[in-house]
Amino acid sequence: MESLAPKEEFIADKIYKIRDSKVLLDFDLAALYGAETSTLKRQVRRNIERFPDDFMFELSKEEFENLRSSKS
């Protein structure tokens, strides 16, 4: 089996399972594209019609805390 390229390893390392979906967090996606998180989110909001309905969702406070504690 071939090893993953550095960018693919970065992506694979940043995928989390939340609400039975595999997701990338906004700041990881922004880093992948070399952008600021706020810029990425602004562009998505401005072009929301280009994205599927399930493209993004907001974590609840509990989900965020669970994720943060699991990353430590």
Protein backbone atom coordinates (compact mmCIF):
# COMPACT_ATOMS: atom_id res chain seq x y z
CA MET A 1 0.00 0.00 0.00
CA GLU A 2 1.35 3.44 -0.92
CA SER A 3 1.88 6.02 1.77
CA LEU A 4 -0.25 9.14 1.73
CA ALA A 5 1.10 12.40 0.36
CA PRO A 6 1.67 15.14 2.99
CA LYS A 7 -1.54 17.02 2.11
CA GLU A 8 -3.56 13.80 2.25
CA GLU A 9 -2.02 12.94 5.62
CA PHE A 10 -2.96 16.41 6.89
CA ILE A 11 -6.55 15.90 5.74
CA ALA A 12 -6.85 12.36 7.09
CA ASP A 13 -5.55 13.59 10.45
CA LYS A 14 -8.19 16.34 10.63
CA ILE A 15 -11.33 14.32 9.92
CA TYR A 16 -13.63 13.88 12.90
CA LYS A 17 -16.84 11.93 13.25
CA ILE A 18 -19.59 14.20 14.58
CA ARG A 19 -23.33 13.44 14.41
CA ASP A 20 -22.54 10.30 12.39
CA SER A 21 -20.84 12.41 9.70
CA LYS A 22 -17.19 12.76 8.79
CA VAL A 23 -16.30 16.45 9.04
CA LEU A 24 -13.43 18.88 8.73
CA LEU A 25 -13.47 21.82 11.12
CA ASP A 26 -13.52 25.31 9.66
CA PHE A 27 -10.06 26.25 10.90
CA ASP A 28 -8.54 23.05 9.48
CA LEU A 29 -10.21 23.63 6.12
CA ALA A 30 -9.01 27.24 6.10
CA ALA A 31 -5.45 26.10 6.88
CA LEU A 32 -5.62 23.59 4.03
CA TYR A 33 -6.40 26.43 1.64
CA GLY A 34 -4.01 28.90 3.27
CA ALA A 35 -6.83 31.25 4.28
CA GLU A 36 -8.06 32.84 7.48
CA THR A 37 -11.01 31.05 9.07
CA SER A 38 -13.09 34.23 9.03
CA THR A 39 -12.40 34.70 5.30
CA LEU A 40 -13.44 31.13 4.52
CA LYS A 41 -16.67 31.46 6.51
CA ARG A 42 -17.48 34.84 4.90
CA GLN A 43 -17.02 33.40 1.40
CA VAL A 44 -19.24 30.42 2.20
CA ARG A 45 -21.98 32.73 3.52
CA ARG A 46 -21.73 34.94 0.43
CA ASN A 47 -21.95 31.92 -1.89
CA ILE A 48 -24.17 29.61 0.15
CA GLU A 49 -26.22 28.60 -2.92
CA ARG A 50 -23.12 26.84 -4.29
CA PHE A 51 -22.98 24.42 -1.37
CA PRO A 52 -25.23 21.48 -0.51
CA ASP A 53 -27.59 21.90 2.45
CA ASP A 54 -25.48 19.60 4.61
CA PHE A 55 -22.16 21.30 3.79
CA MET A 56 -21.85 22.87 7.23
CA PHE A 57 -23.39 22.96 10.66
CA GLU A 58 -22.55 24.59 13.95
CA LEU A 59 -21.37 22.52 16.89
CA SER A 60 -23.28 22.71 20.12
CA LYS A 61 -21.32 23.83 23.18
CA GLU A 62 -21.27 20.24 24.44
CA GLU A 63 -20.01 18.89 21.09
CA PHE A 64 -17.29 21.54 21.03
CA GLU A 65 -16.16 20.70 24.58
CA ASN A 66 -16.13 16.97 23.81
CA LEU A 67 -14.08 17.56 20.69
CA ARG A 68 -11.68 19.90 22.46
CA SER A 69 -11.10 17.43 25.30
CA SER A 70 -10.55 14.54 22.87
CA LYS A 71 -7.86 16.50 20.99
CA SER A 72 -5.76 17.03 24.15
